[in-house]
Amino acid sequence: MAAANSPNVESVSKPQVVYRCKKCRRIVASKENIVSHDRGKGEQSFKWRKRSGNPLEEEPAECSSIFVEPMKWMESVQDGYVGEKLQCMGCKARLGSFNWAGMQCNCGAWVNPAFQLHKSRLDECHI
């Protein structure tokens, strides 16, 4: 009989999160592939402050993208490009973009290197 504190029991009870292409439902990333970043200062981080709103806003907007590590399905990364769009292998829908020099998240944080997937193009599924 397994103990309640056994590692196997804990791993089964935690739901695993995977991200799928909204168009064809192909799995493109999992929670383990996500590269975390510290949240930036929101609109104050952008040079021209083109966005409307209160510049003294305390809480920056939630990140509209996730950043992941480079993966095999990213064909343009495999082809040696420095920066390019990321397309789903199944349906060729645009899921995001990447740049080895880095990119700025909408929260204002700079992520380097950046492999950005837009949350609006993905479904978050709990398995």
N, C-alpha and C. Protein backbone atom coordinates (compact mmCIF):
# COMPACT_ATOMS: atom_id res chain seq x y z
N MET A 1 0.84 -1.18 0.00
CA MET A 1 0.00 0.00 0.00
C MET A 1 0.89 1.25 0.00
N ALA A 2 0.62 2.19 -0.90
CA ALA A 2 1.44 3.39 -1.04
C ALA A 2 1.08 4.42 0.01
N ALA A 3 2.09 5.10 0.49
CA ALA A 3 1.87 6.15 1.47
C ALA A 3 1.25 7.37 0.80
N ALA A 4 0.49 8.16 1.55
CA ALA A 4 -0.17 9.34 1.00
C ALA A 4 0.83 10.40 0.54
N ASN A 5 2.03 10.42 1.13
CA ASN A 5 3.03 11.42 0.77
C ASN A 5 3.98 10.93 -0.31
N SER A 6 3.69 9.85 -0.94
CA SER A 6 4.54 9.29 -1.98
C SER A 6 4.63 10.23 -3.18
N PRO A 7 5.82 10.38 -3.81
CA PRO A 7 5.96 11.26 -4.97
C PRO A 7 5.07 10.85 -6.13
N ASN A 8 4.81 9.56 -6.30
CA ASN A 8 3.96 9.10 -7.40
C ASN A 8 2.53 9.59 -7.24
N VAL A 9 2.03 9.62 -6.02
CA VAL A 9 0.67 10.08 -5.77
C VAL A 9 0.56 11.57 -6.05
N GLU A 10 1.58 12.35 -5.67
CA GLU A 10 1.57 13.79 -5.90
C GLU A 10 1.60 14.11 -7.39
N SER A 11 2.40 13.40 -8.17
CA SER A 11 2.50 13.69 -9.59
C SER A 11 1.21 13.36 -10.33
N VAL A 12 0.46 12.39 -9.85
CA VAL A 12 -0.80 12.03 -10.48
C VAL A 12 -1.87 13.07 -10.17
N SER A 13 -1.87 13.62 -8.96
CA SER A 13 -2.91 14.54 -8.56
C SER A 13 -2.76 15.93 -9.19
N LYS A 14 -1.55 16.33 -9.58
CA LYS A 14 -1.34 17.64 -10.20
C LYS A 14 -1.69 17.57 -11.68
N PRO A 15 -2.59 18.44 -12.15
CA PRO A 15 -2.90 18.43 -13.58
C PRO A 15 -1.76 19.02 -14.39
N GLN A 16 -1.44 18.37 -15.49
CA GLN A 16 -0.41 18.87 -16.38
C GLN A 16 -1.04 19.85 -17.36
N VAL A 17 -0.35 20.94 -17.66
CA VAL A 17 -0.86 21.95 -18.57
C VAL A 17 -0.12 21.84 -19.89
N VAL A 18 -0.88 21.76 -20.98
CA VAL A 18 -0.30 21.78 -22.32
C VAL A 18 -0.99 22.89 -23.11
N TYR A 19 -0.26 23.41 -24.08
CA TYR A 19 -0.78 24.46 -24.95
C TYR A 19 -0.94 23.87 -26.35
N ARG A 20 -2.14 24.08 -26.92
CA ARG A 20 -2.46 23.54 -28.24
C ARG A 20 -2.78 24.67 -29.21
N CYS A 21 -2.49 24.44 -30.47
CA CYS A 21 -2.88 25.37 -31.53
C CYS A 21 -4.41 25.42 -31.56
N LYS A 22 -4.97 26.62 -31.56
CA LYS A 22 -6.44 26.75 -31.57
C LYS A 22 -7.04 26.22 -32.86
N LYS A 23 -6.30 26.30 -33.95
CA LYS A 23 -6.85 25.93 -35.24
C LYS A 23 -6.89 24.42 -35.46
N CYS A 24 -5.78 23.72 -35.17
CA CYS A 24 -5.73 22.28 -35.47
C CYS A 24 -5.58 21.40 -34.23
N ARG A 25 -5.45 22.03 -33.02
CA ARG A 25 -5.38 21.32 -31.74
C ARG A 25 -4.08 20.54 -31.53
N ARG A 26 -3.06 20.78 -32.33
CA ARG A 26 -1.76 20.13 -32.15
C ARG A 26 -1.09 20.70 -30.91
N ILE A 27 -0.46 19.85 -30.10
CA ILE A 27 0.26 20.31 -28.92
C ILE A 27 1.53 21.01 -29.37
N VAL A 28 1.72 22.26 -28.91
CA VAL A 28 2.91 23.02 -29.30
C VAL A 28 3.86 23.26 -28.13
N ALA A 29 3.36 23.20 -26.89
CA ALA A 29 4.21 23.42 -25.72
C ALA A 29 3.52 22.87 -24.48
N SER A 30 4.30 22.69 -23.44
CA SER A 30 3.75 22.30 -22.14
C SER A 30 4.29 23.25 -21.09
N LYS A 31 3.76 23.15 -19.90
CA LYS A 31 4.17 24.03 -18.80
C LYS A 31 5.68 23.95 -18.56
N GLU A 32 6.28 22.79 -18.78
CA GLU A 32 7.71 22.59 -18.57
C GLU A 32 8.55 23.38 -19.57
N ASN A 33 7.99 23.74 -20.73
CA ASN A 33 8.73 24.46 -21.77
C ASN A 33 8.73 25.98 -21.57
N ILE A 34 7.93 26.47 -20.64
CA ILE A 34 7.79 27.92 -20.46
C ILE A 34 9.03 28.51 -19.79
N VAL A 35 9.49 29.62 -20.34
CA VAL A 35 10.59 30.38 -19.76
C VAL A 35 9.95 31.56 -19.02
N SER A 36 10.09 31.59 -17.71
CA SER A 36 9.46 32.65 -16.93
C SER A 36 10.28 33.93 -17.03
N HIS A 37 9.61 35.07 -16.81
CA HIS A 37 10.29 36.36 -16.80
C HIS A 37 9.65 37.23 -15.72
N ASP A 38 10.45 38.14 -15.19
CA ASP A 38 9.93 39.08 -14.20
C ASP A 38 9.10 40.13 -14.93
N ARG A 39 7.95 40.46 -14.36
CA ARG A 39 7.07 41.44 -14.99
C ARG A 39 7.73 42.81 -15.02
N GLY A 40 7.54 43.50 -16.12
CA GLY A 40 8.09 44.84 -16.27
C GLY A 40 7.17 45.89 -15.67
N LYS A 41 7.42 47.13 -16.00
CA LYS A 41 6.65 48.25 -15.45
C LYS A 41 5.49 48.65 -16.34
N GLY A 42 5.07 47.78 -17.23
CA GLY A 42 3.92 48.07 -18.09
C GLY A 42 4.23 49.12 -19.13
N GLU A 43 3.29 50.06 -19.33
CA GLU A 43 3.43 51.07 -20.38
C GLU A 43 4.63 51.98 -20.16
N GLN A 44 5.07 52.14 -18.94
CA GLN A 44 6.22 52.98 -18.67
C GLN A 44 7.48 52.43 -19.31
N SER A 45 7.51 51.13 -19.62
CA SER A 45 8.69 50.49 -20.20
C SER A 45 8.84 50.75 -21.69
N PHE A 46 7.80 51.24 -22.34
CA PHE A 46 7.86 51.44 -23.78
C PHE A 46 8.33 52.86 -24.08
N LYS A 47 9.25 52.96 -24.99
CA LYS A 47 9.95 54.22 -25.25
C LYS A 47 9.01 55.37 -25.60
N TRP A 48 8.07 55.16 -26.50
CA TRP A 48 7.25 56.26 -26.99
C TRP A 48 5.94 56.42 -26.25
N ARG A 49 5.60 55.45 -25.40
CA ARG A 49 4.34 55.51 -24.63
C ARG A 49 3.15 55.85 -25.52
N LYS A 50 3.02 55.12 -26.59
CA LYS A 50 1.96 55.38 -27.56
C LYS A 50 0.59 54.95 -27.05
N ARG A 51 0.56 54.11 -26.06
CA ARG A 51 -0.72 53.60 -25.57
C ARG A 51 -1.40 54.64 -24.70
N SER A 52 -2.71 54.63 -24.74
CA SER A 52 -3.46 55.57 -23.92
C SER A 52 -3.63 54.99 -22.52
N GLY A 53 -4.00 55.84 -21.60
CA GLY A 53 -4.23 55.38 -20.24
C GLY A 53 -3.39 56.13 -19.24
N ASN A 54 -3.52 55.77 -18.01
CA ASN A 54 -2.80 56.43 -16.92
C ASN A 54 -1.36 55.93 -16.88
N PRO A 55 -0.36 56.81 -17.06
CA PRO A 55 1.04 56.36 -17.04
C PRO A 55 1.50 55.92 -15.65
N LEU A 56 0.75 56.27 -14.61
CA LEU A 56 1.10 55.90 -13.24
C LEU A 56 0.38 54.64 -12.77
N GLU A 57 -0.12 53.87 -13.71
CA GLU A 57 -0.84 52.64 -13.41
C GLU A 57 0.04 51.71 -12.59
N GLU A 58 -0.46 51.27 -11.42
CA GLU A 58 0.35 50.45 -10.52
C GLU A 58 0.55 49.03 -11.04
N GLU A 59 -0.50 48.41 -11.51
CA GLU A 59 -0.46 47.00 -11.92
C GLU A 59 -0.35 46.90 -13.43
N PRO A 60 0.79 46.41 -13.98
CA PRO A 60 0.89 46.25 -15.43
C PRO A 60 -0.09 45.18 -15.93
N ALA A 61 -0.44 45.29 -17.19
CA ALA A 61 -1.38 44.34 -17.79
C ALA A 61 -0.82 42.93 -17.75
N GLU A 62 -1.72 41.94 -17.75
CA GLU A 62 -1.29 40.54 -17.79
C GLU A 62 -0.62 40.27 -19.12
N CYS A 63 0.40 39.44 -19.10
CA CYS A 63 1.14 39.11 -20.32
C CYS A 63 0.20 38.45 -21.33
N SER A 64 0.24 38.92 -22.56
CA SER A 64 -0.62 38.36 -23.60
C SER A 64 0.07 37.22 -24.35
N SER A 65 1.30 36.91 -23.95
CA SER A 65 2.08 35.86 -24.60
C SER A 65 2.78 35.00 -23.56
N ILE A 66 3.22 33.84 -24.02
CA ILE A 66 4.11 33.02 -23.20
C ILE A 66 5.43 32.91 -23.96
N PHE A 67 6.50 32.79 -23.23
CA PHE A 67 7.82 32.60 -23.83
C PHE A 67 8.26 31.19 -23.51
N VAL A 68 8.76 30.49 -24.53
CA VAL A 68 9.14 29.09 -24.38
C VAL A 68 10.58 28.90 -24.84
N GLU A 69 11.11 27.74 -24.54
CA GLU A 69 12.44 27.38 -25.03
C GLU A 69 12.31 26.92 -26.49
N PRO A 70 13.37 26.97 -27.27
CA PRO A 70 13.28 26.52 -28.67
C PRO A 70 12.95 25.03 -28.73
N MET A 71 12.07 24.66 -29.67
CA MET A 71 11.63 23.27 -29.79
C MET A 71 11.76 22.77 -31.22
N LYS A 72 11.71 21.46 -31.38
CA LYS A 72 11.91 20.84 -32.70
C LYS A 72 10.91 21.30 -33.75
N TRP A 73 9.66 21.56 -33.38
CA TRP A 73 8.64 21.91 -34.36
C TRP A 73 8.85 23.30 -34.96
N MET A 74 9.71 24.11 -34.38
CA MET A 74 9.96 25.46 -34.86
C MET A 74 10.92 25.41 -36.06
N GLU A 75 10.36 25.26 -37.25
CA GLU A 75 11.15 25.04 -38.46
C GLU A 75 12.10 26.19 -38.76
N SER A 76 11.64 27.43 -38.60
CA SER A 76 12.49 28.57 -38.95
C SER A 76 13.69 28.69 -38.01
N VAL A 77 13.55 28.19 -36.77
CA VAL A 77 14.69 28.17 -35.85
C VAL A 77 15.70 27.14 -36.34
N GLN A 78 15.21 25.98 -36.77
CA GLN A 78 16.07 24.91 -37.27
C GLN A 78 16.80 25.34 -38.55
N ASP A 79 16.17 26.23 -39.32
CA ASP A 79 16.77 26.69 -40.59
C ASP A 79 17.85 27.74 -40.37
N GLY A 80 18.04 28.21 -39.14
CA GLY A 80 19.12 29.13 -38.84
C GLY A 80 18.78 30.60 -38.89
N TYR A 81 17.50 30.96 -38.95
CA TYR A 81 17.12 32.37 -38.97
C TYR A 81 17.38 33.02 -37.60
N VAL A 82 17.66 34.32 -37.61
CA VAL A 82 17.89 35.07 -36.37
C VAL A 82 16.57 35.48 -35.75
N GLY A 83 15.60 35.82 -36.57
CA GLY A 83 14.27 36.20 -36.11
C GLY A 83 13.26 35.91 -37.20
N GLU A 84 12.11 35.39 -36.83
CA GLU A 84 11.12 34.98 -37.83
C GLU A 84 9.80 34.69 -37.13
N LYS A 85 8.74 34.48 -37.91
CA LYS A 85 7.45 34.07 -37.38
C LYS A 85 7.50 32.59 -37.03
N LEU A 86 6.70 32.21 -36.03
CA LEU A 86 6.58 30.79 -35.66
C LEU A 86 5.23 30.28 -36.15
N GLN A 87 5.26 29.23 -36.96
CA GLN A 87 4.04 28.66 -37.52
C GLN A 87 3.83 27.25 -36.99
N CYS A 88 2.56 26.89 -36.81
CA CYS A 88 2.20 25.54 -36.40
C CYS A 88 2.64 24.56 -37.49
N MET A 89 3.20 23.44 -37.08
CA MET A 89 3.62 22.42 -38.06
C MET A 89 2.44 21.80 -38.77
N GLY A 90 1.30 21.69 -38.08
CA GLY A 90 0.14 21.02 -38.65
C GLY A 90 -0.60 21.86 -39.67
N CYS A 91 -1.00 23.09 -39.27
CA CYS A 91 -1.88 23.89 -40.12
C CYS A 91 -1.25 25.17 -40.64
N LYS A 92 0.01 25.43 -40.27
CA LYS A 92 0.76 26.61 -40.69
C LYS A 92 0.17 27.93 -40.18
N ALA A 93 -0.67 27.87 -39.13
CA ALA A 93 -1.19 29.09 -38.52
C ALA A 93 -0.06 29.80 -37.78
N ARG A 94 -0.07 31.12 -37.81
CA ARG A 94 0.96 31.89 -37.11
C ARG A 94 0.67 31.87 -35.62
N LEU A 95 1.59 31.34 -34.84
CA LEU A 95 1.42 31.23 -33.39
C LEU A 95 2.20 32.29 -32.63
N GLY A 96 3.21 32.87 -33.25
CA GLY A 96 4.04 33.86 -32.58
C GLY A 96 5.26 34.17 -33.40
N SER A 97 6.33 34.52 -32.71
CA SER A 97 7.58 34.84 -33.39
C SER A 97 8.75 34.59 -32.46
N PHE A 98 9.95 34.65 -33.03
CA PHE A 98 11.14 34.49 -32.21
C PHE A 98 12.21 35.44 -32.67
N ASN A 99 13.13 35.73 -31.75
CA ASN A 99 14.29 36.54 -32.08
C ASN A 99 15.38 36.20 -31.09
N TRP A 100 16.53 35.79 -31.60
CA TRP A 100 17.65 35.41 -30.74
C TRP A 100 18.17 36.61 -29.96
N ALA A 101 17.98 37.84 -30.48
CA ALA A 101 18.44 39.04 -29.79
C ALA A 101 17.49 39.45 -28.67
N GLY A 102 16.29 38.91 -28.66
CA GLY A 102 15.33 39.20 -27.61
C GLY A 102 14.16 40.03 -28.10
N MET A 103 13.10 40.07 -27.28
CA MET A 103 11.90 40.83 -27.57
C MET A 103 11.33 41.36 -26.27
N GLN A 104 10.51 42.39 -26.39
CA GLN A 104 9.87 42.96 -25.21
C GLN A 104 8.45 42.43 -25.10
N CYS A 105 8.11 41.94 -23.92
CA CYS A 105 6.76 41.46 -23.63
C CYS A 105 5.84 42.67 -23.46
N ASN A 106 4.54 42.47 -23.59
CA ASN A 106 3.63 43.60 -23.40
C ASN A 106 3.61 44.11 -21.95
N CYS A 107 4.15 43.33 -21.01
CA CYS A 107 4.25 43.80 -19.62
C CYS A 107 5.45 44.72 -19.45
N GLY A 108 6.31 44.82 -20.45
CA GLY A 108 7.46 45.70 -20.41
C GLY A 108 8.78 44.98 -20.19
N ALA A 109 8.74 43.71 -19.81
CA ALA A 109 9.97 42.96 -19.54
C ALA A 109 10.66 42.58 -20.85
N TRP A 110 11.98 42.59 -20.83
CA TRP A 110 12.77 42.18 -21.98
C TRP A 110 13.15 40.72 -21.79
N VAL A 111 12.87 39.87 -22.78
CA VAL A 111 13.18 38.44 -22.72
C VAL A 111 14.21 38.15 -23.80
N ASN A 112 15.30 37.51 -23.41
CA ASN A 112 16.41 37.28 -24.34
C ASN A 112 16.98 35.89 -24.14
N PRO A 113 17.07 35.02 -25.13
CA PRO A 113 16.41 35.07 -26.43
C PRO A 113 14.91 34.87 -26.26
N ALA A 114 14.14 35.25 -27.25
CA ALA A 114 12.69 35.23 -27.13
C ALA A 114 12.05 34.29 -28.15
N PHE A 115 11.28 33.36 -27.65
CA PHE A 115 10.45 32.47 -28.47
C PHE A 115 9.03 32.66 -27.95
N GLN A 116 8.32 33.59 -28.57
CA GLN A 116 7.05 34.08 -28.06
C GLN A 116 5.87 33.43 -28.76
N LEU A 117 4.95 32.89 -27.97
CA LEU A 117 3.70 32.33 -28.49
C LEU A 117 2.56 33.15 -27.93
N HIS A 118 1.66 33.62 -28.80
CA HIS A 118 0.54 34.45 -28.38
C HIS A 118 -0.56 33.59 -27.75
N LYS A 119 -1.01 33.97 -26.56
CA LYS A 119 -2.05 33.22 -25.86
C LYS A 119 -3.35 33.20 -26.66
N SER A 120 -3.61 34.23 -27.44
CA SER A 120 -4.85 34.29 -28.23
C SER A 120 -4.86 33.23 -29.34
N ARG A 121 -3.72 32.68 -29.68
CA ARG A 121 -3.63 31.65 -30.73
C ARG A 121 -3.55 30.25 -30.15
N LEU A 122 -3.56 30.15 -28.82
CA LEU A 122 -3.38 28.86 -28.15
C LEU A 122 -4.56 28.54 -27.24
N ASP A 123 -4.79 27.27 -27.04
CA ASP A 123 -5.72 26.79 -26.02
C ASP A 123 -4.89 26.19 -24.89
N GLU A 124 -5.19 26.58 -23.65
CA GLU A 124 -4.51 26.02 -22.49
C GLU A 124 -5.36 24.86 -22.01
N CYS A 125 -4.79 23.66 -22.01
CA CYS A 125 -5.53 22.45 -21.65
C CYS A 125 -4.91 21.80 -20.41
N HIS A 126 -5.75 21.43 -19.46
CA HIS A 126 -5.30 20.73 -18.26
C HIS A 126 -5.56 19.24 -18.44
N ILE A 127 -4.51 18.46 -18.35
CA ILE A 127 -4.64 17.01 -18.55
C ILE A 127 -4.63 16.31 -17.21
